[in-house]
Amino acid sequence: MKSAKKSFSKMILAALKRGERLTVRDAFLRWGHMTLTQRVSELKKAGYNIKVEMIRADGTTFARYYMAI
């Protein structure tokens, strides 16, 4: 994993550990990254218990990630 990916993954993991729930839009507005889905997938493969809930709003469906504690 490249350095930028690692630091973004660390930011995501820290937020999830604090109990935050994140969407791709949240990650983009907060950190300027559009790769939340890929980083979450990597974190899940590394053994973190990250869950996804599908949200439907205004005719659009999107994923919101959170850490199962």
PDB file of N, CA and C in Angstrom:
ATOM      1  N   MET A   1       0.845  -1.166   0.000  1.00  0.00           N
ATOM      2  CA  MET A   1       0.000   0.000   0.000  1.00  0.00           C
ATOM      3  C   MET A   1       0.900   1.242   0.000  1.00  0.00           C
ATOM      4  N   LYS A   2       0.629   2.181  -0.857  1.00  0.00           N
ATOM      5  CA  LYS A   2       1.427   3.390  -0.943  1.00  0.00           C
ATOM      6  C   LYS A   2       1.168   4.266   0.273  1.00  0.00           C
ATOM      7  N   SER A   3       2.062   5.207   0.503  1.00  0.00           N
ATOM      8  CA  SER A   3       2.000   6.078   1.675  1.00  0.00           C
ATOM      9  C   SER A   3       0.698   6.870   1.751  1.00  0.00           C
ATOM     10  N   ALA A   4       0.256   7.455   0.633  1.00  0.00           N
ATOM     11  CA  ALA A   4      -0.990   8.229   0.638  1.00  0.00           C
ATOM     12  C   ALA A   4      -2.177   7.337   0.983  1.00  0.00           C
ATOM     13  N   LYS A   5      -2.186   6.118   0.434  1.00  0.00           N
ATOM     14  CA  LYS A   5      -3.257   5.179   0.745  1.00  0.00           C
ATOM     15  C   LYS A   5      -3.242   4.827   2.223  1.00  0.00           C
ATOM     16  N   LYS A   6      -2.034   4.601   2.761  1.00  0.00           N
ATOM     17  CA  LYS A   6      -1.901   4.232   4.172  1.00  0.00           C
ATOM     18  C   LYS A   6      -2.423   5.333   5.070  1.00  0.00           C
ATOM     19  N   SER A   7      -2.045   6.584   4.797  1.00  0.00           N
ATOM     20  CA  SER A   7      -2.477   7.671   5.674  1.00  0.00           C
ATOM     21  C   SER A   7      -3.978   7.897   5.561  1.00  0.00           C
ATOM     22  N   PHE A   8      -4.548   7.758   4.362  1.00  0.00           N
ATOM     23  CA  PHE A   8      -5.992   7.896   4.212  1.00  0.00           C
ATOM     24  C   PHE A   8      -6.693   6.758   4.940  1.00  0.00           C
ATOM     25  N   SER A   9      -6.155   5.558   4.829  1.00  0.00           N
ATOM     26  CA  SER A   9      -6.727   4.415   5.541  1.00  0.00           C
ATOM     27  C   SER A   9      -6.687   4.639   7.047  1.00  0.00           C
ATOM     28  N   LYS A  10      -5.604   5.214   7.542  1.00  0.00           N
ATOM     29  CA  LYS A  10      -5.493   5.505   8.974  1.00  0.00           C
ATOM     30  C   LYS A  10      -6.540   6.526   9.412  1.00  0.00           C
ATOM     31  N   MET A  11      -6.780   7.535   8.582  1.00  0.00           N
ATOM     32  CA  MET A  11      -7.796   8.545   8.901  1.00  0.00           C
ATOM     33  C   MET A  11      -9.186   7.910   8.947  1.00  0.00           C
ATOM     34  N   ILE A  12      -9.462   7.056   7.979  1.00  0.00           N
ATOM     35  CA  ILE A  12     -10.752   6.363   7.937  1.00  0.00           C
ATOM     36  C   ILE A  12     -10.915   5.489   9.170  1.00  0.00           C
ATOM     37  N   LEU A  13      -9.906   4.701   9.462  1.00  0.00           N
ATOM     38  CA  LEU A  13      -9.962   3.787  10.597  1.00  0.00           C
ATOM     39  C   LEU A  13     -10.164   4.551  11.904  1.00  0.00           C
ATOM     40  N   ALA A  14      -9.452   5.650  12.080  1.00  0.00           N
ATOM     41  CA  ALA A  14      -9.602   6.450  13.295  1.00  0.00           C
ATOM     42  C   ALA A  14     -11.027   6.984  13.427  1.00  0.00           C
ATOM     43  N   ALA A  15     -11.586   7.476  12.337  1.00  0.00           N
ATOM     44  CA  ALA A  15     -12.960   7.996  12.367  1.00  0.00           C
ATOM     45  C   ALA A  15     -13.956   6.885  12.709  1.00  0.00           C
ATOM     46  N   LEU A  16     -13.784   5.738  12.080  1.00  0.00           N
ATOM     47  CA  LEU A  16     -14.694   4.617  12.343  1.00  0.00           C
ATOM     48  C   LEU A  16     -14.577   4.135  13.787  1.00  0.00           C
ATOM     49  N   LYS A  17     -13.364   4.112  14.315  1.00  0.00           N
ATOM     50  CA  LYS A  17     -13.157   3.693  15.705  1.00  0.00           C
ATOM     51  C   LYS A  17     -13.802   4.667  16.689  1.00  0.00           C
ATOM     52  N   ARG A  18     -13.943   5.932  16.278  1.00  0.00           N
ATOM     53  CA  ARG A  18     -14.624   6.928  17.121  1.00  0.00           C
ATOM     54  C   ARG A  18     -16.141   6.792  17.039  1.00  0.00           C
ATOM     55  N   GLY A  19     -16.604   5.868  16.213  1.00  0.00           N
ATOM     56  CA  GLY A  19     -18.041   5.663  16.076  1.00  0.00           C
ATOM     57  C   GLY A  19     -18.688   6.439  14.945  1.00  0.00           C
ATOM     58  N   GLU A  20     -17.881   7.083  14.131  1.00  0.00           N
ATOM     59  CA  GLU A  20     -18.434   7.839  13.005  1.00  0.00           C
ATOM     60  C   GLU A  20     -18.915   6.886  11.921  1.00  0.00           C
ATOM     61  N   ARG A  21     -19.891   7.335  11.171  1.00  0.00           N
ATOM     62  CA  ARG A  21     -20.387   6.606  10.010  1.00  0.00           C
ATOM     63  C   ARG A  21     -20.041   7.450   8.800  1.00  0.00           C
ATOM     64  N   LEU A  22     -19.437   6.821   7.790  1.00  0.00           N
ATOM     65  CA  LEU A  22     -18.897   7.562   6.652  1.00  0.00           C
ATOM     66  C   LEU A  22     -19.496   7.127   5.326  1.00  0.00           C
ATOM     67  N   THR A  23     -19.734   8.096   4.467  1.00  0.00           N
ATOM     68  CA  THR A  23     -20.124   7.846   3.079  1.00  0.00           C
ATOM     69  C   THR A  23     -18.987   8.371   2.195  1.00  0.00           C
ATOM     70  N   VAL A  24     -19.029   8.020   0.920  1.00  0.00           N
ATOM     71  CA  VAL A  24     -18.035   8.539  -0.024  1.00  0.00           C
ATOM     72  C   VAL A  24     -18.090  10.063  -0.033  1.00  0.00           C
ATOM     73  N   ARG A  25     -19.293  10.615   0.012  1.00  0.00           N
ATOM     74  CA  ARG A  25     -19.445  12.079   0.026  1.00  0.00           C
ATOM     75  C   ARG A  25     -18.794  12.668   1.271  1.00  0.00           C
ATOM     76  N   ASP A  26     -19.004  12.045   2.427  1.00  0.00           N
ATOM     77  CA  ASP A  26     -18.383  12.514   3.670  1.00  0.00           C
ATOM     78  C   ASP A  26     -16.860  12.554   3.527  1.00  0.00           C
ATOM     79  N   ALA A  27     -16.296  11.467   3.005  1.00  0.00           N
ATOM     80  CA  ALA A  27     -14.838  11.372   2.858  1.00  0.00           C
ATOM     81  C   ALA A  27     -14.318  12.426   1.893  1.00  0.00           C
ATOM     82  N   PHE A  28     -15.058  12.665   0.830  1.00  0.00           N
ATOM     83  CA  PHE A  28     -14.625  13.674  -0.133  1.00  0.00           C
ATOM     84  C   PHE A  28     -14.656  15.073   0.483  1.00  0.00           C
ATOM     85  N   LEU A  29     -15.753  15.402   1.156  1.00  0.00           N
ATOM     86  CA  LEU A  29     -15.869  16.733   1.756  1.00  0.00           C
ATOM     87  C   LEU A  29     -14.858  16.943   2.883  1.00  0.00           C
ATOM     88  N   ARG A  30     -14.572  15.894   3.609  1.00  0.00           N
ATOM     89  CA  ARG A  30     -13.686  16.001   4.768  1.00  0.00           C
ATOM     90  C   ARG A  30     -12.209  15.931   4.399  1.00  0.00           C
ATOM     91  N   TRP A  31     -11.858  14.982   3.523  1.00  0.00           N
ATOM     92  CA  TRP A  31     -10.443  14.737   3.231  1.00  0.00           C
ATOM     93  C   TRP A  31     -10.071  14.939   1.764  1.00  0.00           C
ATOM     94  N   GLY A  32     -11.055  15.149   0.895  1.00  0.00           N
ATOM     95  CA  GLY A  32     -10.767  15.344  -0.519  1.00  0.00           C
ATOM     96  C   GLY A  32     -10.461  14.062  -1.275  1.00  0.00           C
ATOM     97  N   HIS A  33     -10.873  12.921  -0.726  1.00  0.00           N
ATOM     98  CA  HIS A  33     -10.616  11.621  -1.356  1.00  0.00           C
ATOM     99  C   HIS A  33     -11.933  10.983  -1.806  1.00  0.00           C
ATOM    100  N   MET A  34     -11.895  10.336  -2.959  1.00  0.00           N
ATOM    101  CA  MET A  34     -13.070   9.636  -3.482  1.00  0.00           C
ATOM    102  C   MET A  34     -12.907   8.119  -3.401  1.00  0.00           C
ATOM    103  N   THR A  35     -11.878   7.647  -2.702  1.00  0.00           N
ATOM    104  CA  THR A  35     -11.565   6.216  -2.703  1.00  0.00           C
ATOM    105  C   THR A  35     -11.964   5.515  -1.406  1.00  0.00           C
ATOM    106  N   LEU A  36     -12.985   6.003  -0.736  1.00  0.00           N
ATOM    107  CA  LEU A  36     -13.410   5.407   0.531  1.00  0.00           C
ATOM    108  C   LEU A  36     -13.744   3.928   0.377  1.00  0.00           C
ATOM    109  N   THR A  37     -14.484   3.575  -0.647  1.00  0.00           N
ATOM    110  CA  THR A  37     -14.898   2.181  -0.836  1.00  0.00           C
ATOM    111  C   THR A  37     -13.689   1.247  -0.952  1.00  0.00           C
ATOM    112  N   GLN A  38     -12.695   1.654  -1.707  1.00  0.00           N
ATOM    113  CA  GLN A  38     -11.500   0.832  -1.873  1.00  0.00           C
ATOM    114  C   GLN A  38     -10.724   0.696  -0.559  1.00  0.00           C
ATOM    115  N   ARG A  39     -10.568   1.807   0.160  1.00  0.00           N
ATOM    116  CA  ARG A  39      -9.821   1.756   1.426  1.00  0.00           C
ATOM    117  C   ARG A  39     -10.575   0.922   2.459  1.00  0.00           C
ATOM    118  N   VAL A  40     -11.905   1.025   2.516  1.00  0.00           N
ATOM    119  CA  VAL A  40     -12.696   0.206   3.438  1.00  0.00           C
ATOM    120  C   VAL A  40     -12.521  -1.267   3.093  1.00  0.00           C
ATOM    121  N   SER A  41     -12.517  -1.594   1.818  1.00  0.00           N
ATOM    122  CA  SER A  41     -12.318  -2.977   1.392  1.00  0.00           C
ATOM    123  C   SER A  41     -10.967  -3.499   1.877  1.00  0.00           C
ATOM    124  N   GLU A  42      -9.935  -2.687   1.757  1.00  0.00           N
ATOM    125  CA  GLU A  42      -8.607  -3.086   2.233  1.00  0.00           C
ATOM    126  C   GLU A  42      -8.596  -3.280   3.749  1.00  0.00           C
ATOM    127  N   LEU A  43      -9.253  -2.389   4.462  1.00  0.00           N
ATOM    128  CA  LEU A  43      -9.313  -2.508   5.918  1.00  0.00           C
ATOM    129  C   LEU A  43     -10.075  -3.766   6.338  1.00  0.00           C
ATOM    130  N   LYS A  44     -11.148  -4.077   5.615  1.00  0.00           N
ATOM    131  CA  LYS A  44     -11.904  -5.299   5.917  1.00  0.00           C
ATOM    132  C   LYS A  44     -11.039  -6.535   5.677  1.00  0.00           C
ATOM    133  N   LYS A  45     -10.285  -6.533   4.588  1.00  0.00           N
ATOM    134  CA  LYS A  45      -9.387  -7.657   4.294  1.00  0.00           C
ATOM    135  C   LYS A  45      -8.307  -7.796   5.352  1.00  0.00           C
ATOM    136  N   ALA A  46      -7.944  -6.672   5.990  1.00  0.00           N
ATOM    137  CA  ALA A  46      -6.933  -6.684   7.049  1.00  0.00           C
ATOM    138  C   ALA A  46      -7.525  -7.156   8.381  1.00  0.00           C
ATOM    139  N   GLY A  47      -8.839  -7.414   8.399  1.00  0.00           N
ATOM    140  CA  GLY A  47      -9.454  -7.983   9.591  1.00  0.00           C
ATOM    141  C   GLY A  47     -10.321  -7.049  10.413  1.00  0.00           C
ATOM    142  N   TYR A  48     -10.472  -5.806  10.000  1.00  0.00           N
ATOM    143  CA  TYR A  48     -11.321  -4.877  10.753  1.00  0.00           C
ATOM    144  C   TYR A  48     -12.790  -5.181  10.475  1.00  0.00           C
ATOM    145  N   ASN A  49     -13.595  -5.110  11.521  1.00  0.00           N
ATOM    146  CA  ASN A  49     -15.012  -5.446  11.426  1.00  0.00           C
ATOM    147  C   ASN A  49     -15.825  -4.213  11.009  1.00  0.00           C
ATOM    148  N   ILE A  50     -15.730  -3.884   9.731  1.00  0.00           N
ATOM    149  CA  ILE A  50     -16.423  -2.718   9.187  1.00  0.00           C
ATOM    150  C   ILE A  50     -17.677  -3.206   8.469  1.00  0.00           C
ATOM    151  N   LYS A  51     -18.772  -2.574   8.792  1.00  0.00           N
ATOM    152  CA  LYS A  51     -20.072  -2.940   8.224  1.00  0.00           C
ATOM    153  C   LYS A  51     -20.535  -1.845   7.270  1.00  0.00           C
ATOM    154  N   VAL A  52     -21.488  -2.197   6.446  1.00  0.00           N
ATOM    155  CA  VAL A  52     -22.058  -1.227   5.508  1.00  0.00           C
ATOM    156  C   VAL A  52     -23.578  -1.277   5.623  1.00  0.00           C
ATOM    157  N   GLU A  53     -24.173  -0.106   5.576  1.00  0.00           N
ATOM    158  CA  GLU A  53     -25.624  -0.031   5.495  1.00  0.00           C
ATOM    159  C   GLU A  53     -25.961   0.760   4.234  1.00  0.00           C
ATOM    160  N   MET A  54     -26.938   0.291   3.513  1.00  0.00           N
ATOM    161  CA  MET A  54     -27.349   0.973   2.292  1.00  0.00           C
ATOM    162  C   MET A  54     -28.453   1.959   2.655  1.00  0.00           C
ATOM    163  N   ILE A  55     -28.261   3.201   2.268  1.00  0.00           N
ATOM    164  CA  ILE A  55     -29.179   4.290   2.578  1.00  0.00           C
ATOM    165  C   ILE A  55     -29.867   4.726   1.292  1.00  0.00           C
ATOM    166  N   ARG A  56     -31.154   4.923   1.388  1.00  0.00           N
ATOM    167  CA  ARG A  56     -31.910   5.413   0.236  1.00  0.00           C
ATOM    168  C   ARG A  56     -32.480   6.785   0.589  1.00  0.00           C
ATOM    169  N   ALA A  57     -32.119   7.786  -0.225  1.00  0.00           N
ATOM    170  CA  ALA A  57     -32.593   9.149   0.011  1.00  0.00           C
ATOM    171  C   ALA A  57     -32.719   9.867  -1.325  1.00  0.00           C
ATOM    172  N   ASP A  58     -33.818  10.555  -1.509  1.00  0.00           N
ATOM    173  CA  ASP A  58     -34.048  11.342  -2.730  1.00  0.00           C
ATOM    174  C   ASP A  58     -33.864  10.525  -4.000  1.00  0.00           C
ATOM    175  N   GLY A  59     -34.283   9.271  -3.974  1.00  0.00           N
ATOM    176  CA  GLY A  59     -34.207   8.417  -5.148  1.00  0.00           C
ATOM    177  C   GLY A  59     -32.826   7.853  -5.435  1.00  0.00           C
ATOM    178  N   THR A  60     -31.880   8.062  -4.518  1.00  0.00           N
ATOM    179  CA  THR A  60     -30.515   7.578  -4.684  1.00  0.00           C
ATOM    180  C   THR A  60     -30.181   6.601  -3.562  1.00  0.00           C
ATOM    181  N   THR A  61     -29.424   5.583  -3.876  1.00  0.00           N
ATOM    182  CA  THR A  61     -28.968   4.641  -2.864  1.00  0.00           C
ATOM    183  C   THR A  61     -27.464   4.763  -2.737  1.00  0.00           C
ATOM    184  N   PHE A  62     -26.987   4.842  -1.501  1.00  0.00           N
ATOM    185  CA  PHE A  62     -25.543   4.941  -1.269  1.00  0.00           C
ATOM    186  C   PHE A  62     -25.164   4.169  -0.019  1.00  0.00           C
ATOM    187  N   ALA A  63     -23.879   3.860   0.099  1.00  0.00           N
ATOM    188  CA  ALA A  63     -23.367   3.079   1.218  1.00  0.00           C
ATOM    189  C   ALA A  63     -22.859   3.998   2.321  1.00  0.00           C
ATOM    190  N   ARG A  64     -23.149   3.590   3.555  1.00  0.00           N
ATOM    191  CA  ARG A  64     -22.583   4.273   4.724  1.00  0.00           C
ATOM    192  C   ARG A  64     -21.861   3.227   5.554  1.00  0.00           C
ATOM    193  N   TYR A  65     -20.590   3.475   5.830  1.00  0.00           N
ATOM    194  CA  TYR A  65     -19.736   2.511   6.523  1.00  0.00           C
ATOM    195  C   TYR A  65     -19.620   2.865   8.001  1.00  0.00           C
ATOM    196  N   TYR A  66     -19.545   1.820   8.819  1.00  0.00           N
ATOM    197  CA  TYR A  66     -19.356   2.014  10.256  1.00  0.00           C
ATOM    198  C   TYR A  66     -18.621   0.815  10.813  1.00  0.00           C
ATOM    199  N   MET A  67     -18.066   0.972  11.997  1.00  0.00           N
ATOM    200  CA  MET A  67     -17.335  -0.127  12.607  1.00  0.00           C
ATOM    201  C   MET A  67     -18.222  -0.792  13.639  1.00  0.00           C
ATOM    202  N   ALA A  68     -18.364  -2.090  13.501  1.00  0.00           N
ATOM    203  CA  ALA A  68     -19.128  -2.878  14.466  1.00  0.00           C
ATOM    204  C   ALA A  68     -18.250  -3.087  15.685  1.00  0.00           C
ATOM    205  N   ILE A  69     -18.761  -2.678  16.823  1.00  0.00           N
ATOM    206  CA  ILE A  69     -17.962  -2.763  18.057  1.00  0.00           C
ATOM    207  C   ILE A  69     -18.380  -3.972  18.873  1.00  0.00           C
TER     208      ILE A  69
END
